[in-house]
N, C-alpha and C. Protein backbone atom coordinates (compact mmCIF):
# COMPACT_ATOMS: atom_id res chain seq x y z
N MET A 1 -76.74 -149.83 -30.34
CA MET A 1 -75.73 -148.83 -30.45
C MET A 1 -76.08 -147.66 -29.52
N ARG A 2 -75.07 -147.22 -28.78
CA ARG A 2 -75.29 -146.17 -27.80
C ARG A 2 -74.86 -144.81 -28.37
N ILE A 3 -75.69 -143.76 -28.15
CA ILE A 3 -75.40 -142.42 -28.66
C ILE A 3 -74.78 -141.61 -27.53
N LEU A 4 -73.61 -141.06 -27.81
CA LEU A 4 -72.92 -140.24 -26.82
C LEU A 4 -73.45 -138.80 -26.87
N PRO A 5 -73.50 -138.14 -25.71
CA PRO A 5 -73.96 -136.74 -25.71
C PRO A 5 -72.98 -135.84 -26.44
N GLN A 6 -73.50 -134.75 -26.95
CA GLN A 6 -72.67 -133.79 -27.66
C GLN A 6 -71.74 -133.09 -26.66
N PRO A 7 -70.47 -132.87 -27.04
CA PRO A 7 -69.55 -132.20 -26.11
C PRO A 7 -69.98 -130.75 -25.88
N PHE A 8 -69.74 -130.30 -24.67
CA PHE A 8 -70.05 -128.93 -24.29
C PHE A 8 -68.99 -128.00 -24.86
N THR A 9 -69.39 -126.96 -25.54
CA THR A 9 -68.43 -126.01 -26.11
C THR A 9 -68.68 -124.62 -25.54
N LEU A 10 -67.60 -123.94 -25.26
CA LEU A 10 -67.70 -122.57 -24.80
C LEU A 10 -67.69 -121.63 -25.99
N VAL A 11 -68.47 -120.61 -25.92
CA VAL A 11 -68.49 -119.61 -26.98
C VAL A 11 -67.67 -118.43 -26.50
N ASP A 12 -66.65 -118.06 -27.27
CA ASP A 12 -65.74 -116.99 -26.86
C ASP A 12 -66.37 -115.61 -26.96
N ASP A 13 -67.21 -115.40 -27.95
CA ASP A 13 -67.75 -114.08 -28.19
C ASP A 13 -69.01 -113.87 -27.35
N GLN A 14 -69.01 -112.82 -26.55
CA GLN A 14 -70.15 -112.57 -25.67
C GLN A 14 -71.37 -112.11 -26.48
N LYS A 15 -71.17 -111.66 -27.70
CA LYS A 15 -72.29 -111.24 -28.52
C LYS A 15 -73.20 -112.40 -28.88
N ASP A 16 -72.69 -113.61 -28.75
CA ASP A 16 -73.50 -114.78 -29.00
C ASP A 16 -74.43 -115.08 -27.82
N HIS A 17 -74.32 -114.28 -26.76
CA HIS A 17 -75.16 -114.46 -25.58
C HIS A 17 -75.99 -113.19 -25.36
N PRO A 18 -77.06 -113.03 -26.10
CA PRO A 18 -77.84 -111.79 -25.97
C PRO A 18 -78.44 -111.60 -24.58
N ARG A 19 -78.75 -112.71 -23.88
CA ARG A 19 -79.31 -112.57 -22.53
C ARG A 19 -78.28 -111.98 -21.57
N LEU A 20 -77.03 -112.42 -21.70
CA LEU A 20 -75.98 -111.88 -20.84
C LEU A 20 -75.73 -110.41 -21.14
N GLU A 21 -75.70 -110.09 -22.42
CA GLU A 21 -75.48 -108.70 -22.81
C GLU A 21 -76.63 -107.81 -22.33
N GLU A 22 -77.84 -108.33 -22.43
CA GLU A 22 -79.01 -107.58 -21.97
C GLU A 22 -78.95 -107.36 -20.45
N LYS A 23 -78.57 -108.39 -19.71
CA LYS A 23 -78.47 -108.28 -18.25
C LYS A 23 -77.37 -107.30 -17.87
N HIS A 24 -76.24 -107.37 -18.58
CA HIS A 24 -75.13 -106.44 -18.31
C HIS A 24 -75.57 -105.00 -18.54
N ASN A 25 -76.25 -104.75 -19.66
CA ASN A 25 -76.71 -103.39 -19.96
C ASN A 25 -77.71 -102.90 -18.92
N LYS A 26 -78.58 -103.79 -18.46
CA LYS A 26 -79.58 -103.43 -17.45
C LYS A 26 -78.88 -103.05 -16.14
N ASN A 27 -77.91 -103.86 -15.71
CA ASN A 27 -77.16 -103.57 -14.47
C ASN A 27 -76.33 -102.29 -14.61
N TYR A 28 -75.76 -102.09 -15.79
CA TYR A 28 -74.95 -100.90 -16.04
C TYR A 28 -75.81 -99.65 -15.90
N GLN A 29 -77.00 -99.68 -16.51
CA GLN A 29 -77.91 -98.54 -16.45
C GLN A 29 -78.42 -98.31 -15.03
N ARG A 30 -78.72 -99.39 -14.32
CA ARG A 30 -79.18 -99.28 -12.94
C ARG A 30 -78.12 -98.61 -12.07
N THR A 31 -76.88 -99.05 -12.22
CA THR A 31 -75.77 -98.48 -11.48
C THR A 31 -75.60 -97.00 -11.82
N LEU A 32 -75.68 -96.69 -13.09
CA LEU A 32 -75.52 -95.31 -13.55
C LEU A 32 -76.62 -94.41 -12.98
N LEU A 33 -77.86 -94.85 -13.07
CA LEU A 33 -78.98 -94.03 -12.58
C LEU A 33 -78.92 -93.84 -11.07
N LEU A 34 -78.68 -94.93 -10.33
CA LEU A 34 -78.59 -94.82 -8.87
C LEU A 34 -77.42 -93.95 -8.45
N GLY A 35 -76.29 -94.14 -9.09
CA GLY A 35 -75.10 -93.37 -8.76
C GLY A 35 -75.29 -91.88 -9.03
N LYS A 36 -75.86 -91.53 -10.18
CA LYS A 36 -76.09 -90.12 -10.51
C LYS A 36 -77.08 -89.50 -9.52
N ALA A 37 -78.12 -90.24 -9.19
CA ALA A 37 -79.11 -89.72 -8.24
C ALA A 37 -78.46 -89.48 -6.87
N ALA A 38 -77.61 -90.40 -6.45
CA ALA A 38 -76.92 -90.25 -5.16
C ALA A 38 -75.99 -89.05 -5.17
N ILE A 39 -75.23 -88.87 -6.26
CA ILE A 39 -74.32 -87.73 -6.37
C ILE A 39 -75.10 -86.43 -6.34
N ASP A 40 -76.21 -86.37 -7.08
CA ASP A 40 -77.02 -85.15 -7.10
C ASP A 40 -77.58 -84.84 -5.71
N LYS A 41 -78.03 -85.87 -5.00
CA LYS A 41 -78.57 -85.65 -3.65
C LYS A 41 -77.47 -85.18 -2.70
N LEU A 42 -76.30 -85.79 -2.77
CA LEU A 42 -75.18 -85.38 -1.92
C LEU A 42 -74.76 -83.94 -2.21
N ARG A 43 -74.79 -83.54 -3.48
CA ARG A 43 -74.45 -82.17 -3.85
C ARG A 43 -75.45 -81.19 -3.27
N LYS A 44 -76.75 -81.52 -3.33
CA LYS A 44 -77.78 -80.64 -2.79
C LYS A 44 -77.62 -80.46 -1.29
N GLU A 45 -77.19 -81.52 -0.61
CA GLU A 45 -77.03 -81.48 0.84
C GLU A 45 -75.63 -80.99 1.25
N ASN A 46 -74.82 -80.59 0.27
CA ASN A 46 -73.45 -80.11 0.51
C ASN A 46 -72.61 -81.10 1.32
N LYS A 47 -72.73 -82.38 0.99
CA LYS A 47 -71.94 -83.42 1.64
C LYS A 47 -70.79 -83.83 0.73
N GLU A 48 -69.78 -84.45 1.34
CA GLU A 48 -68.63 -84.95 0.57
C GLU A 48 -69.10 -86.03 -0.40
N ILE A 49 -68.59 -85.98 -1.61
CA ILE A 49 -68.93 -86.99 -2.61
C ILE A 49 -67.73 -87.93 -2.73
N THR A 50 -67.85 -89.08 -2.07
CA THR A 50 -66.81 -90.11 -2.10
C THR A 50 -67.45 -91.41 -2.56
N TYR A 51 -66.61 -92.40 -2.86
CA TYR A 51 -67.15 -93.70 -3.26
C TYR A 51 -68.05 -94.26 -2.18
N LYS A 52 -67.60 -94.15 -0.95
CA LYS A 52 -68.35 -94.71 0.18
C LYS A 52 -69.68 -93.98 0.38
N SER A 53 -69.66 -92.65 0.31
CA SER A 53 -70.89 -91.89 0.53
C SER A 53 -71.90 -92.16 -0.59
N ILE A 54 -71.41 -92.36 -1.81
CA ILE A 54 -72.30 -92.68 -2.92
C ILE A 54 -72.95 -94.05 -2.69
N ALA A 55 -72.14 -95.02 -2.30
CA ALA A 55 -72.67 -96.37 -2.05
C ALA A 55 -73.71 -96.36 -0.93
N GLU A 56 -73.45 -95.62 0.13
CA GLU A 56 -74.41 -95.55 1.24
C GLU A 56 -75.69 -94.86 0.82
N GLU A 57 -75.56 -93.80 0.04
CA GLU A 57 -76.75 -93.05 -0.39
C GLU A 57 -77.61 -93.87 -1.35
N THR A 58 -76.97 -94.69 -2.19
CA THR A 58 -77.76 -95.49 -3.14
C THR A 58 -78.63 -96.51 -2.41
N LYS A 59 -78.20 -96.96 -1.25
CA LYS A 59 -79.03 -97.90 -0.47
C LYS A 59 -80.32 -97.23 -0.02
N ASN A 60 -80.23 -95.93 0.27
CA ASN A 60 -81.44 -95.19 0.66
C ASN A 60 -82.35 -94.92 -0.53
N LEU A 61 -81.76 -94.73 -1.70
CA LEU A 61 -82.53 -94.39 -2.89
C LEU A 61 -83.10 -95.61 -3.62
N ASP A 62 -82.46 -96.74 -3.47
CA ASP A 62 -82.84 -97.96 -4.19
C ASP A 62 -84.13 -98.54 -3.62
N SER A 63 -85.06 -98.88 -4.51
CA SER A 63 -86.32 -99.47 -4.06
C SER A 63 -86.11 -100.85 -3.46
N GLU A 64 -85.08 -101.55 -3.92
CA GLU A 64 -84.76 -102.87 -3.37
C GLU A 64 -83.87 -102.78 -2.14
N LYS A 65 -83.41 -101.57 -1.80
CA LYS A 65 -82.52 -101.31 -0.66
C LYS A 65 -81.17 -102.02 -0.78
N LYS A 66 -80.79 -102.40 -2.02
CA LYS A 66 -79.49 -103.05 -2.24
C LYS A 66 -78.40 -102.02 -2.50
N GLY A 67 -78.74 -101.00 -3.24
CA GLY A 67 -77.75 -99.99 -3.59
C GLY A 67 -76.70 -100.54 -4.53
N ILE A 68 -75.57 -99.84 -4.59
CA ILE A 68 -74.45 -100.29 -5.41
C ILE A 68 -73.21 -100.35 -4.53
N HIS A 69 -72.23 -101.09 -4.98
CA HIS A 69 -70.96 -101.20 -4.26
C HIS A 69 -70.11 -99.98 -4.61
N SER A 70 -69.25 -99.58 -3.70
CA SER A 70 -68.41 -98.40 -3.94
C SER A 70 -67.49 -98.58 -5.16
N ASN A 71 -67.05 -99.80 -5.42
CA ASN A 71 -66.20 -100.04 -6.60
C ASN A 71 -66.96 -99.91 -7.91
N SER A 72 -68.28 -100.01 -7.85
CA SER A 72 -69.09 -99.86 -9.06
C SER A 72 -68.94 -98.47 -9.65
N VAL A 73 -68.65 -97.48 -8.83
CA VAL A 73 -68.46 -96.12 -9.32
C VAL A 73 -67.26 -96.10 -10.26
N LYS A 74 -66.20 -96.81 -9.91
CA LYS A 74 -65.00 -96.84 -10.75
C LYS A 74 -65.19 -97.71 -11.99
N ARG A 75 -65.92 -98.79 -11.85
CA ARG A 75 -66.08 -99.73 -12.97
C ARG A 75 -67.05 -99.23 -14.03
N ASN A 76 -68.01 -98.41 -13.66
CA ASN A 76 -68.98 -97.88 -14.61
C ASN A 76 -68.40 -96.59 -15.18
N ALA A 77 -67.98 -96.63 -16.44
CA ALA A 77 -67.25 -95.51 -17.05
C ALA A 77 -68.05 -94.21 -17.03
N ASP A 78 -69.34 -94.27 -17.37
CA ASP A 78 -70.15 -93.06 -17.39
C ASP A 78 -70.33 -92.48 -15.99
N LEU A 79 -70.56 -93.34 -15.01
CA LEU A 79 -70.73 -92.88 -13.63
C LEU A 79 -69.41 -92.32 -13.09
N TYR A 80 -68.30 -92.93 -13.44
CA TYR A 80 -67.00 -92.45 -12.99
C TYR A 80 -66.71 -91.05 -13.52
N ASN A 81 -67.04 -90.81 -14.79
CA ASN A 81 -66.86 -89.48 -15.37
C ASN A 81 -67.75 -88.46 -14.66
N TYR A 82 -68.98 -88.86 -14.35
CA TYR A 82 -69.91 -87.98 -13.63
C TYR A 82 -69.36 -87.68 -12.23
N TYR A 83 -68.83 -88.72 -11.58
CA TYR A 83 -68.22 -88.56 -10.25
C TYR A 83 -67.05 -87.58 -10.31
N LYS A 84 -66.17 -87.75 -11.30
CA LYS A 84 -65.00 -86.88 -11.42
C LYS A 84 -65.40 -85.42 -11.62
N SER A 85 -66.46 -85.19 -12.36
CA SER A 85 -66.86 -83.81 -12.65
C SER A 85 -67.57 -83.15 -11.47
N HIS A 86 -68.06 -83.92 -10.50
CA HIS A 86 -68.81 -83.34 -9.39
C HIS A 86 -68.17 -83.52 -8.01
N SER A 87 -67.11 -84.27 -7.91
CA SER A 87 -66.53 -84.58 -6.61
C SER A 87 -65.41 -83.61 -6.25
N ASN A 88 -65.56 -82.95 -5.11
CA ASN A 88 -64.50 -82.07 -4.61
C ASN A 88 -63.32 -82.87 -4.10
N THR A 89 -63.58 -84.04 -3.51
CA THR A 89 -62.50 -84.86 -2.98
C THR A 89 -61.61 -85.34 -4.12
N TYR A 90 -62.21 -85.70 -5.26
CA TYR A 90 -61.43 -86.12 -6.42
C TYR A 90 -60.58 -84.96 -6.93
N ALA A 91 -61.17 -83.77 -6.99
CA ALA A 91 -60.43 -82.59 -7.48
C ALA A 91 -59.28 -82.25 -6.55
N ARG A 92 -59.50 -82.34 -5.22
CA ARG A 92 -58.42 -82.06 -4.27
C ARG A 92 -57.28 -83.06 -4.42
N LYS A 93 -57.64 -84.34 -4.59
CA LYS A 93 -56.62 -85.38 -4.72
C LYS A 93 -55.78 -85.14 -5.99
N LYS A 94 -56.44 -84.82 -7.09
CA LYS A 94 -55.72 -84.58 -8.34
C LYS A 94 -54.82 -83.35 -8.22
N ALA A 95 -55.30 -82.30 -7.58
CA ALA A 95 -54.50 -81.09 -7.41
C ALA A 95 -53.26 -81.38 -6.57
N LEU A 96 -53.42 -82.17 -5.53
CA LEU A 96 -52.28 -82.53 -4.68
C LEU A 96 -51.27 -83.36 -5.46
N GLU A 97 -51.74 -84.30 -6.26
CA GLU A 97 -50.84 -85.10 -7.08
C GLU A 97 -50.07 -84.23 -8.07
N GLU A 98 -50.75 -83.26 -8.66
CA GLU A 98 -50.10 -82.38 -9.63
C GLU A 98 -49.04 -81.51 -8.94
N ARG A 99 -49.35 -81.01 -7.74
CA ARG A 99 -48.38 -80.19 -7.02
C ARG A 99 -47.14 -81.00 -6.69
N LYS A 100 -47.35 -82.24 -6.23
CA LYS A 100 -46.20 -83.09 -5.88
C LYS A 100 -45.41 -83.45 -7.12
N LYS A 101 -46.11 -83.70 -8.22
CA LYS A 101 -45.45 -84.10 -9.45
C LYS A 101 -44.62 -82.96 -10.04
N SER A 102 -45.16 -81.74 -9.97
CA SER A 102 -44.49 -80.62 -10.62
C SER A 102 -43.36 -80.04 -9.76
N TYR A 103 -43.34 -80.37 -8.48
CA TYR A 103 -42.33 -79.80 -7.60
C TYR A 103 -41.04 -80.60 -7.70
N LYS A 104 -39.96 -79.92 -8.00
CA LYS A 104 -38.65 -80.55 -8.10
C LYS A 104 -37.64 -79.71 -7.32
N ILE A 105 -36.55 -80.33 -6.92
CA ILE A 105 -35.47 -79.58 -6.29
C ILE A 105 -34.76 -78.81 -7.40
N LYS A 106 -34.60 -77.53 -7.19
CA LYS A 106 -34.10 -76.67 -8.25
C LYS A 106 -32.65 -76.95 -8.65
N SER A 107 -31.80 -77.19 -7.71
CA SER A 107 -30.40 -77.47 -8.05
C SER A 107 -29.82 -78.49 -7.08
N LYS A 108 -28.76 -79.14 -7.54
CA LYS A 108 -28.10 -80.13 -6.69
C LYS A 108 -27.35 -79.43 -5.57
N PRO A 109 -27.42 -79.97 -4.37
CA PRO A 109 -26.66 -79.36 -3.28
C PRO A 109 -25.16 -79.56 -3.52
N LYS A 110 -24.39 -78.51 -3.33
CA LYS A 110 -22.95 -78.59 -3.58
C LYS A 110 -22.18 -78.80 -2.29
N GLY A 111 -22.86 -78.85 -1.22
CA GLY A 111 -22.24 -78.99 0.08
C GLY A 111 -23.19 -78.39 1.09
N PHE A 112 -22.77 -78.39 2.30
CA PHE A 112 -23.65 -77.87 3.34
C PHE A 112 -23.35 -76.41 3.67
N GLU A 113 -22.37 -75.79 2.96
CA GLU A 113 -22.05 -74.41 3.24
C GLU A 113 -23.15 -73.44 2.83
N HIS A 114 -24.03 -73.87 1.91
CA HIS A 114 -25.12 -73.00 1.48
C HIS A 114 -26.28 -72.95 2.50
N ILE A 115 -26.24 -73.83 3.49
CA ILE A 115 -27.30 -73.86 4.50
C ILE A 115 -27.01 -72.82 5.57
N LYS A 116 -27.96 -71.94 5.77
CA LYS A 116 -27.79 -70.88 6.77
C LYS A 116 -28.26 -71.40 8.12
N PRO A 117 -27.51 -71.12 9.17
CA PRO A 117 -27.91 -71.60 10.50
C PRO A 117 -29.20 -70.97 11.01
N ASP A 118 -29.54 -69.78 10.54
CA ASP A 118 -30.75 -69.12 11.03
C ASP A 118 -31.94 -69.29 10.05
N ARG A 119 -31.90 -70.32 9.23
CA ARG A 119 -32.98 -70.55 8.26
C ARG A 119 -34.29 -70.90 8.97
N ASN A 120 -35.39 -70.71 8.27
CA ASN A 120 -36.70 -71.02 8.81
C ASN A 120 -36.98 -72.51 8.59
N LYS A 121 -36.89 -73.28 9.64
CA LYS A 121 -37.02 -74.73 9.53
C LYS A 121 -38.43 -75.16 9.15
N ALA A 122 -39.41 -74.36 9.50
CA ALA A 122 -40.80 -74.67 9.12
C ALA A 122 -40.96 -74.63 7.60
N ASP A 123 -40.31 -73.64 6.96
CA ASP A 123 -40.36 -73.55 5.50
C ASP A 123 -39.65 -74.73 4.85
N VAL A 124 -38.53 -75.14 5.43
CA VAL A 124 -37.78 -76.28 4.90
C VAL A 124 -38.63 -77.54 5.01
N ARG A 125 -39.28 -77.74 6.16
CA ARG A 125 -40.16 -78.91 6.34
C ARG A 125 -41.27 -78.90 5.30
N LYS A 126 -41.86 -77.73 5.10
CA LYS A 126 -42.95 -77.60 4.13
C LYS A 126 -42.48 -77.98 2.73
N LYS A 127 -41.27 -77.49 2.38
CA LYS A 127 -40.70 -77.78 1.06
C LYS A 127 -40.43 -79.29 0.90
N LEU A 128 -39.85 -79.90 1.94
CA LEU A 128 -39.52 -81.32 1.87
C LEU A 128 -40.77 -82.21 1.93
N ASN A 129 -41.82 -81.74 2.59
CA ASN A 129 -43.08 -82.51 2.64
C ASN A 129 -43.74 -82.63 1.29
N ARG A 130 -43.45 -81.69 0.40
CA ARG A 130 -44.04 -81.73 -0.94
C ARG A 130 -43.37 -82.76 -1.85
N LEU A 131 -42.20 -83.21 -1.46
CA LEU A 131 -41.46 -84.18 -2.27
C LEU A 131 -42.04 -85.58 -2.10
N THR A 132 -41.91 -86.36 -3.14
CA THR A 132 -42.30 -87.77 -3.04
C THR A 132 -41.20 -88.53 -2.34
N LYS A 133 -41.48 -89.75 -1.98
CA LYS A 133 -40.49 -90.57 -1.29
C LYS A 133 -39.26 -90.76 -2.17
N LYS A 134 -39.47 -91.00 -3.45
CA LYS A 134 -38.34 -91.20 -4.36
C LYS A 134 -37.49 -89.95 -4.47
N GLU A 135 -38.14 -88.78 -4.52
CA GLU A 135 -37.38 -87.53 -4.62
C GLU A 135 -36.58 -87.27 -3.34
N LEU A 136 -37.15 -87.60 -2.20
CA LEU A 136 -36.42 -87.45 -0.93
C LEU A 136 -35.20 -88.35 -0.89
N ILE A 137 -35.36 -89.58 -1.34
CA ILE A 137 -34.24 -90.52 -1.36
C ILE A 137 -33.13 -89.98 -2.25
N GLU A 138 -33.49 -89.49 -3.44
CA GLU A 138 -32.48 -88.94 -4.35
C GLU A 138 -31.79 -87.72 -3.72
N HIS A 139 -32.54 -86.89 -3.04
CA HIS A 139 -31.98 -85.71 -2.39
C HIS A 139 -30.96 -86.10 -1.32
N ILE A 140 -31.28 -87.10 -0.54
CA ILE A 140 -30.37 -87.57 0.51
C ILE A 140 -29.12 -88.18 -0.09
N ILE A 141 -29.28 -88.99 -1.13
CA ILE A 141 -28.13 -89.62 -1.79
C ILE A 141 -27.19 -88.55 -2.35
N GLU A 142 -27.77 -87.52 -3.01
CA GLU A 142 -26.95 -86.43 -3.55
C GLU A 142 -26.20 -85.70 -2.44
N ALA A 143 -26.87 -85.50 -1.30
CA ALA A 143 -26.22 -84.82 -0.19
C ALA A 143 -25.09 -85.66 0.40
N GLU A 144 -25.26 -86.98 0.42
CA GLU A 144 -24.23 -87.87 0.97
C GLU A 144 -23.04 -87.99 0.05
N ASP A 145 -23.22 -87.81 -1.25
CA ASP A 145 -22.13 -87.94 -2.22
C ASP A 145 -21.16 -86.76 -2.19
N ILE A 146 -21.53 -85.73 -1.51
CA ILE A 146 -20.69 -84.52 -1.50
C ILE A 146 -19.47 -84.71 -0.64
């Protein structure tokens, strides 16, 4: 009589794999420590703190010279929060998004008679540059419907 091998079964719960969980935690901590050290060094040197600059700096700080990937900053929740609190580029991007989001056209155009021929076109360009693409499209459609 021949004995058949036991079927291979996958375990859904990762907690049943303590080695994997241990490796994940080790990599998570390594990424966090290297990333924080890179951010601190970049701050001391008054350099821009971006995903790319962090990844490049970690290669210099890492004893294995591997560093971390730039996407690791986003995937590691603790490192991402640290990045957000120390990055000027992140703060500038968020401020720009908020300005664009909060800026709306105050009233619907009722025709072109309200447009003065001697208006400052630079100011108009500046105002329209703050609009999103969707807001510009809506503005043009409203103007065409008149």
